[in-house]
């Protein structure tokens, strides 16, 4: 297995999404982990929620297609979508090359900060991925 990256400043879901810590305005950035993009293979299509949509933690809110599979985007937290990364929709392969930078998916104003606190830190997520037999 390739050496995967798990930035320590992010929180992770069991569904392999990440969030960047909430700022004062309770907005977090959401993306997929290096493990997720590596598992998917070459990403060819991304479908994301629209600005103004409400997403619910642990529910599907989008889709990522690769040359070998289709995977749901599962919201790691609940709230209102305030920004969508149109660049990743136009150039989905960015998810493969920069999943924690230019490959972010959307931003959400969190409705329940406890959901963000319940997500895994990088060490816990790494152990979770390794226990899945990655």
N, C-alpha and C. Protein backbone atom coordinates (compact mmCIF):
# COMPACT_ATOMS: atom_id res chain seq x y z
N UNK A 1 0.85 -1.19 0.00
CA UNK A 1 0.00 0.00 0.00
C UNK A 1 0.88 1.24 0.00
N UNK A 2 0.52 2.21 -0.78
CA UNK A 2 1.26 3.47 -0.82
C UNK A 2 1.16 4.15 0.54
N UNK A 3 2.15 4.96 0.85
CA UNK A 3 2.11 5.72 2.09
C UNK A 3 1.03 6.78 1.96
N UNK A 4 0.02 6.70 2.80
CA UNK A 4 -1.10 7.64 2.72
C UNK A 4 -0.91 8.75 3.74
N UNK A 5 -1.50 9.88 3.43
CA UNK A 5 -1.37 11.08 4.24
C UNK A 5 -2.63 11.28 5.08
N UNK A 6 -2.45 11.56 6.37
CA UNK A 6 -3.56 11.85 7.27
C UNK A 6 -3.21 13.11 8.07
N UNK A 7 -3.45 14.29 7.52
CA UNK A 7 -3.08 15.52 8.23
C UNK A 7 -3.69 15.59 9.63
N UNK A 8 -2.86 15.96 10.59
CA UNK A 8 -3.27 15.98 12.00
C UNK A 8 -4.25 17.09 12.32
N UNK A 9 -4.34 18.11 11.47
CA UNK A 9 -5.23 19.24 11.78
C UNK A 9 -6.66 19.03 11.28
N UNK A 10 -6.96 17.83 10.77
CA UNK A 10 -8.29 17.53 10.27
C UNK A 10 -8.99 16.52 11.16
N UNK A 11 -10.32 16.45 11.04
CA UNK A 11 -11.13 15.41 11.69
C UNK A 11 -11.68 14.52 10.58
N UNK A 12 -11.88 13.24 10.88
CA UNK A 12 -12.25 12.26 9.85
C UNK A 12 -13.49 11.48 10.25
N UNK A 13 -14.28 11.09 9.22
CA UNK A 13 -15.46 10.25 9.44
C UNK A 13 -15.13 8.80 9.07
N UNK A 14 -15.97 7.89 9.52
CA UNK A 14 -15.80 6.48 9.16
C UNK A 14 -16.02 6.26 7.66
N UNK A 15 -16.70 7.21 7.02
CA UNK A 15 -16.97 7.11 5.58
C UNK A 15 -15.86 7.73 4.74
N UNK A 16 -14.76 8.12 5.39
CA UNK A 16 -13.55 8.63 4.73
C UNK A 16 -13.66 10.05 4.21
N UNK A 17 -14.56 10.83 4.81
CA UNK A 17 -14.56 12.27 4.56
C UNK A 17 -13.77 12.95 5.67
N UNK A 18 -13.29 14.16 5.39
CA UNK A 18 -12.60 14.95 6.41
C UNK A 18 -13.27 16.31 6.52
N UNK A 19 -13.07 16.96 7.67
CA UNK A 19 -13.45 18.36 7.81
C UNK A 19 -12.25 19.12 8.36
N UNK A 20 -12.11 20.34 7.90
CA UNK A 20 -11.15 21.27 8.48
C UNK A 20 -11.87 21.96 9.62
N UNK A 21 -11.18 22.16 10.72
CA UNK A 21 -11.78 22.72 11.94
C UNK A 21 -12.66 23.93 11.67
N UNK A 22 -13.75 24.01 12.42
CA UNK A 22 -14.68 25.12 12.30
C UNK A 22 -14.03 26.42 12.76
N UNK A 23 -14.28 27.47 12.01
CA UNK A 23 -13.85 28.79 12.44
C UNK A 23 -14.92 29.40 13.33
N UNK A 24 -14.78 30.67 13.62
CA UNK A 24 -15.75 31.34 14.48
C UNK A 24 -17.15 31.35 13.89
N UNK A 25 -17.24 31.28 12.57
CA UNK A 25 -18.55 31.30 11.93
C UNK A 25 -19.14 29.89 11.78
N UNK A 26 -18.50 28.88 12.39
CA UNK A 26 -18.97 27.49 12.39
C UNK A 26 -19.04 26.89 10.99
N UNK A 27 -18.22 27.40 10.07
CA UNK A 27 -18.16 26.84 8.73
C UNK A 27 -16.95 25.91 8.64
N UNK A 28 -17.19 24.69 8.13
CA UNK A 28 -16.09 23.73 7.94
C UNK A 28 -16.00 23.37 6.47
N UNK A 29 -14.79 23.03 6.05
CA UNK A 29 -14.54 22.57 4.69
C UNK A 29 -14.56 21.05 4.71
N UNK A 30 -15.18 20.44 3.73
CA UNK A 30 -15.34 18.99 3.65
C UNK A 30 -14.61 18.47 2.41
N UNK A 31 -13.96 17.32 2.56
CA UNK A 31 -13.33 16.65 1.44
C UNK A 31 -13.27 15.16 1.69
N UNK A 32 -12.62 14.43 0.78
CA UNK A 32 -12.41 13.00 1.00
C UNK A 32 -10.95 12.77 1.33
N UNK A 33 -10.69 11.71 2.07
CA UNK A 33 -9.33 11.43 2.52
C UNK A 33 -8.45 10.87 1.41
N UNK A 34 -7.17 10.90 1.67
CA UNK A 34 -6.19 10.31 0.76
C UNK A 34 -6.51 8.82 0.57
N UNK A 35 -6.89 8.15 1.66
CA UNK A 35 -7.28 6.73 1.57
C UNK A 35 -8.45 6.55 0.60
N UNK A 36 -9.46 7.43 0.71
CA UNK A 36 -10.65 7.32 -0.15
C UNK A 36 -10.29 7.51 -1.61
N UNK A 37 -9.50 8.56 -1.91
CA UNK A 37 -9.16 8.79 -3.33
C UNK A 37 -8.29 7.67 -3.87
N UNK A 38 -7.41 7.12 -3.01
CA UNK A 38 -6.54 6.01 -3.42
C UNK A 38 -7.38 4.76 -3.71
N UNK A 39 -8.39 4.52 -2.88
CA UNK A 39 -9.27 3.36 -3.06
C UNK A 39 -10.14 3.49 -4.31
N UNK A 40 -10.58 4.72 -4.59
CA UNK A 40 -11.43 4.95 -5.76
C UNK A 40 -10.68 4.76 -7.07
N UNK A 41 -9.44 5.16 -7.11
CA UNK A 41 -8.71 5.16 -8.38
C UNK A 41 -8.95 6.48 -9.10
N UNK A 42 -8.82 6.48 -10.40
CA UNK A 42 -8.90 7.72 -11.19
C UNK A 42 -10.32 8.29 -11.19
N UNK A 43 -10.49 9.42 -10.52
CA UNK A 43 -11.80 10.06 -10.41
C UNK A 43 -12.12 10.77 -11.73
N UNK A 44 -13.35 10.53 -12.23
CA UNK A 44 -13.76 11.09 -13.52
C UNK A 44 -15.01 11.98 -13.42
N UNK A 45 -15.73 11.95 -12.29
CA UNK A 45 -16.95 12.73 -12.16
C UNK A 45 -17.24 12.98 -10.69
N UNK A 46 -17.68 14.20 -10.39
CA UNK A 46 -18.05 14.57 -9.02
C UNK A 46 -19.41 15.27 -9.05
N UNK A 47 -20.34 14.83 -8.21
CA UNK A 47 -21.64 15.47 -8.06
C UNK A 47 -21.76 15.92 -6.61
N UNK A 48 -21.98 17.22 -6.40
CA UNK A 48 -21.98 17.77 -5.05
C UNK A 48 -23.32 18.45 -4.75
N UNK A 49 -23.62 18.65 -3.45
CA UNK A 49 -24.82 19.40 -3.11
C UNK A 49 -24.67 20.85 -3.59
N UNK A 50 -25.79 21.55 -3.69
CA UNK A 50 -25.77 22.94 -4.14
C UNK A 50 -25.71 23.89 -2.94
N UNK A 51 -25.20 25.09 -3.18
CA UNK A 51 -25.21 26.12 -2.14
C UNK A 51 -26.66 26.32 -1.70
N UNK A 52 -26.86 26.36 -0.39
CA UNK A 52 -28.20 26.50 0.17
C UNK A 52 -28.84 25.19 0.57
N UNK A 53 -28.31 24.07 0.05
CA UNK A 53 -28.82 22.75 0.45
C UNK A 53 -28.50 22.49 1.92
N UNK A 54 -29.34 21.72 2.55
CA UNK A 54 -29.06 21.26 3.91
C UNK A 54 -28.59 19.81 3.81
N UNK A 55 -27.44 19.52 4.44
CA UNK A 55 -26.94 18.15 4.48
C UNK A 55 -27.09 17.63 5.90
N UNK A 56 -27.22 16.32 6.02
CA UNK A 56 -27.42 15.67 7.31
C UNK A 56 -26.29 14.68 7.55
N UNK A 57 -25.71 14.75 8.73
CA UNK A 57 -24.60 13.87 9.08
C UNK A 57 -24.95 12.42 8.80
N UNK A 58 -24.01 11.69 8.22
CA UNK A 58 -24.12 10.27 7.92
C UNK A 58 -25.12 9.94 6.81
N UNK A 59 -25.55 10.96 6.06
CA UNK A 59 -26.44 10.72 4.93
C UNK A 59 -25.75 11.14 3.63
N UNK A 60 -26.09 10.46 2.54
CA UNK A 60 -25.51 10.75 1.24
C UNK A 60 -25.89 12.15 0.78
N UNK A 61 -24.91 12.89 0.26
CA UNK A 61 -25.19 14.23 -0.24
C UNK A 61 -24.52 14.50 -1.59
N UNK A 62 -23.88 13.48 -2.14
CA UNK A 62 -23.21 13.63 -3.42
C UNK A 62 -22.68 12.30 -3.90
N UNK A 63 -21.90 12.36 -4.99
CA UNK A 63 -21.40 11.12 -5.59
C UNK A 63 -20.05 11.40 -6.27
N UNK A 64 -19.17 10.42 -6.16
CA UNK A 64 -17.89 10.49 -6.86
C UNK A 64 -17.76 9.23 -7.70
N UNK A 65 -17.50 9.42 -8.99
CA UNK A 65 -17.32 8.28 -9.89
C UNK A 65 -15.86 8.20 -10.30
N UNK A 66 -15.37 6.98 -10.33
CA UNK A 66 -14.01 6.75 -10.83
C UNK A 66 -14.10 5.75 -11.98
N UNK A 67 -12.96 5.43 -12.53
CA UNK A 67 -12.94 4.48 -13.64
C UNK A 67 -13.34 3.09 -13.19
N UNK A 68 -13.31 2.83 -11.87
CA UNK A 68 -13.65 1.48 -11.40
C UNK A 68 -14.85 1.39 -10.47
N UNK A 69 -15.38 2.53 -9.98
CA UNK A 69 -16.53 2.43 -9.08
C UNK A 69 -17.24 3.78 -8.93
N UNK A 70 -18.38 3.72 -8.27
CA UNK A 70 -19.13 4.91 -7.88
C UNK A 70 -19.23 4.88 -6.37
N UNK A 71 -18.96 6.02 -5.74
CA UNK A 71 -18.98 6.09 -4.29
C UNK A 71 -19.81 7.28 -3.84
N UNK A 72 -20.58 7.09 -2.78
CA UNK A 72 -21.37 8.19 -2.23
C UNK A 72 -20.46 9.13 -1.46
N UNK A 73 -20.81 10.41 -1.50
CA UNK A 73 -20.24 11.39 -0.58
C UNK A 73 -21.21 11.43 0.59
N UNK A 74 -20.72 11.13 1.78
CA UNK A 74 -21.55 11.09 2.98
C UNK A 74 -21.18 12.28 3.85
N UNK A 75 -22.17 13.10 4.17
CA UNK A 75 -21.91 14.30 4.97
C UNK A 75 -21.37 13.91 6.35
N UNK A 76 -20.20 14.45 6.75
CA UNK A 76 -19.66 14.15 8.07
C UNK A 76 -20.35 14.94 9.18
N UNK A 77 -21.03 16.03 8.82
CA UNK A 77 -21.74 16.88 9.78
C UNK A 77 -23.01 17.40 9.12
N UNK A 78 -23.94 17.88 9.94
CA UNK A 78 -25.18 18.47 9.44
C UNK A 78 -25.05 19.98 9.34
N UNK A 79 -25.75 20.55 8.36
CA UNK A 79 -25.76 22.01 8.25
C UNK A 79 -26.10 22.46 6.85
N UNK A 80 -25.92 23.76 6.62
CA UNK A 80 -26.23 24.36 5.33
C UNK A 80 -24.97 24.49 4.50
N UNK A 81 -25.06 24.06 3.24
CA UNK A 81 -23.93 24.21 2.31
C UNK A 81 -23.81 25.69 1.96
N UNK A 82 -22.62 26.27 2.21
CA UNK A 82 -22.42 27.70 1.94
C UNK A 82 -21.50 27.94 0.74
N UNK A 83 -20.67 26.96 0.39
CA UNK A 83 -19.76 27.08 -0.75
C UNK A 83 -19.57 25.70 -1.37
N UNK A 84 -19.49 25.64 -2.69
CA UNK A 84 -19.19 24.40 -3.40
C UNK A 84 -17.94 24.65 -4.25
N UNK A 85 -17.05 23.68 -4.28
CA UNK A 85 -15.82 23.79 -5.07
C UNK A 85 -16.11 23.43 -6.52
N UNK A 86 -16.48 24.43 -7.30
CA UNK A 86 -16.79 24.19 -8.72
C UNK A 86 -15.57 23.68 -9.48
N UNK A 87 -14.38 24.05 -9.04
CA UNK A 87 -13.16 23.60 -9.73
C UNK A 87 -13.04 22.08 -9.72
N UNK A 88 -13.42 21.43 -8.61
CA UNK A 88 -13.30 19.98 -8.53
C UNK A 88 -14.38 19.30 -9.37
N UNK A 89 -15.49 19.98 -9.59
CA UNK A 89 -16.52 19.45 -10.49
C UNK A 89 -16.01 19.51 -11.93
N UNK A 90 -15.34 20.60 -12.28
CA UNK A 90 -14.80 20.78 -13.63
C UNK A 90 -13.59 19.89 -13.90
N UNK A 91 -12.74 19.69 -12.87
CA UNK A 91 -11.53 18.87 -13.01
C UNK A 91 -11.48 17.86 -11.86
N UNK A 92 -12.31 16.80 -11.95
CA UNK A 92 -12.45 15.85 -10.85
C UNK A 92 -11.15 15.14 -10.47
N UNK A 93 -10.20 15.04 -11.42
CA UNK A 93 -8.93 14.37 -11.11
C UNK A 93 -8.14 15.09 -10.01
N UNK A 94 -8.54 16.33 -9.70
CA UNK A 94 -7.91 17.07 -8.60
C UNK A 94 -8.05 16.29 -7.29
N UNK A 95 -9.13 15.52 -7.16
CA UNK A 95 -9.31 14.69 -5.95
C UNK A 95 -8.16 13.71 -5.79
N UNK A 96 -7.64 13.20 -6.89
CA UNK A 96 -6.53 12.25 -6.83
C UNK A 96 -5.20 12.93 -6.51
N UNK A 97 -5.00 14.12 -7.02
CA UNK A 97 -3.70 14.76 -6.89
C UNK A 97 -3.57 15.62 -5.64
N UNK A 98 -4.68 16.15 -5.12
CA UNK A 98 -4.60 17.06 -3.98
C UNK A 98 -5.87 16.98 -3.12
N UNK A 99 -6.13 15.80 -2.48
CA UNK A 99 -7.40 15.64 -1.76
C UNK A 99 -7.57 16.57 -0.56
N UNK A 100 -6.48 17.07 0.01
CA UNK A 100 -6.58 17.94 1.19
C UNK A 100 -6.41 19.42 0.84
N UNK A 101 -6.13 19.72 -0.42
CA UNK A 101 -5.93 21.11 -0.83
C UNK A 101 -6.99 21.50 -1.84
N UNK A 102 -6.57 21.60 -3.11
CA UNK A 102 -7.47 22.04 -4.18
C UNK A 102 -8.63 21.08 -4.39
N UNK A 103 -8.54 19.85 -3.89
CA UNK A 103 -9.59 18.85 -4.09
C UNK A 103 -10.68 18.84 -3.03
N UNK A 104 -10.77 19.89 -2.22
CA UNK A 104 -11.89 19.94 -1.25
C UNK A 104 -13.21 19.94 -2.01
N UNK A 105 -14.30 19.58 -1.32
CA UNK A 105 -15.60 19.42 -1.99
C UNK A 105 -16.56 20.58 -1.77
N UNK A 106 -16.87 20.87 -0.49
CA UNK A 106 -17.83 21.93 -0.18
C UNK A 106 -17.62 22.39 1.25
N UNK A 107 -18.26 23.52 1.58
CA UNK A 107 -18.19 24.05 2.94
C UNK A 107 -19.60 24.10 3.52
N UNK A 108 -19.68 23.79 4.83
CA UNK A 108 -20.96 23.68 5.53
C UNK A 108 -20.92 24.53 6.79
N UNK A 109 -22.01 25.26 7.03
CA UNK A 109 -22.19 25.93 8.32
C UNK A 109 -22.84 24.90 9.24
N UNK A 110 -22.08 24.43 10.21
CA UNK A 110 -22.52 23.33 11.08
C UNK A 110 -23.71 23.75 11.94
N UNK A 111 -24.71 22.87 12.00
CA UNK A 111 -25.87 23.13 12.85
C UNK A 111 -25.70 22.53 14.24
N UNK A 112 -24.82 21.53 14.39
CA UNK A 112 -24.58 20.89 15.69
C UNK A 112 -23.08 20.66 15.87
N UNK A 113 -22.38 21.56 16.57
CA UNK A 113 -20.93 21.44 16.73
C UNK A 113 -20.49 20.11 17.37
N UNK A 114 -21.38 19.46 18.11
CA UNK A 114 -21.03 18.18 18.74
C UNK A 114 -20.73 17.12 17.69
N UNK A 115 -21.34 17.23 16.51
CA UNK A 115 -21.06 16.26 15.44
C UNK A 115 -19.60 16.34 15.00
N UNK A 116 -19.07 17.55 14.92
CA UNK A 116 -17.66 17.71 14.53
C UNK A 116 -16.75 17.13 15.62
N UNK A 117 -17.10 17.35 16.86
CA UNK A 117 -16.30 16.84 17.97
C UNK A 117 -16.27 15.31 18.00
N UNK A 118 -17.33 14.70 17.49
CA UNK A 118 -17.45 13.24 17.53
C UNK A 118 -16.61 12.55 16.45
N UNK A 119 -16.10 13.30 15.48
CA UNK A 119 -15.30 12.70 14.42
C UNK A 119 -13.93 12.29 14.94
N UNK A 120 -13.24 11.44 14.18
CA UNK A 120 -11.95 10.90 14.59
C UNK A 120 -10.82 11.88 14.33
N UNK A 121 -9.80 11.84 15.20
CA UNK A 121 -8.58 12.57 14.91
C UNK A 121 -7.73 11.72 13.97
N UNK A 122 -6.61 12.26 13.51
CA UNK A 122 -5.81 11.58 12.50
C UNK A 122 -5.32 10.21 12.97
N UNK A 123 -4.89 10.10 14.22
CA UNK A 123 -4.39 8.81 14.72
C UNK A 123 -5.50 7.76 14.75
N UNK A 124 -6.67 8.16 15.23
CA UNK A 124 -7.80 7.23 15.28
C UNK A 124 -8.22 6.81 13.88
N UNK A 125 -8.24 7.77 12.96
CA UNK A 125 -8.62 7.46 11.59
C UNK A 125 -7.61 6.50 10.94
N UNK A 126 -6.33 6.75 11.16
CA UNK A 126 -5.29 5.87 10.62
C UNK A 126 -5.51 4.43 11.13
N UNK A 127 -5.81 4.28 12.43
CA UNK A 127 -6.05 2.95 12.99
C UNK A 127 -7.30 2.34 12.38
N UNK A 128 -8.33 3.13 12.15
CA UNK A 128 -9.56 2.65 11.53
C UNK A 128 -9.28 2.13 10.12
N UNK A 129 -8.53 2.89 9.34
CA UNK A 129 -8.18 2.49 7.97
C UNK A 129 -7.36 1.20 7.99
N UNK A 130 -6.38 1.14 8.87
CA UNK A 130 -5.54 -0.05 8.95
C UNK A 130 -6.33 -1.28 9.38
N UNK A 131 -7.33 -1.07 10.25
CA UNK A 131 -8.15 -2.21 10.71
C UNK A 131 -9.07 -2.70 9.61
N UNK A 132 -9.34 -1.87 8.60
CA UNK A 132 -10.17 -2.30 7.46
C UNK A 132 -9.37 -3.16 6.50
N UNK A 133 -8.10 -3.37 6.81
CA UNK A 133 -7.28 -4.22 5.95
C UNK A 133 -6.69 -3.48 4.77
N UNK A 134 -6.57 -2.19 4.93
CA UNK A 134 -6.03 -1.35 3.84
C UNK A 134 -4.57 -1.64 3.61
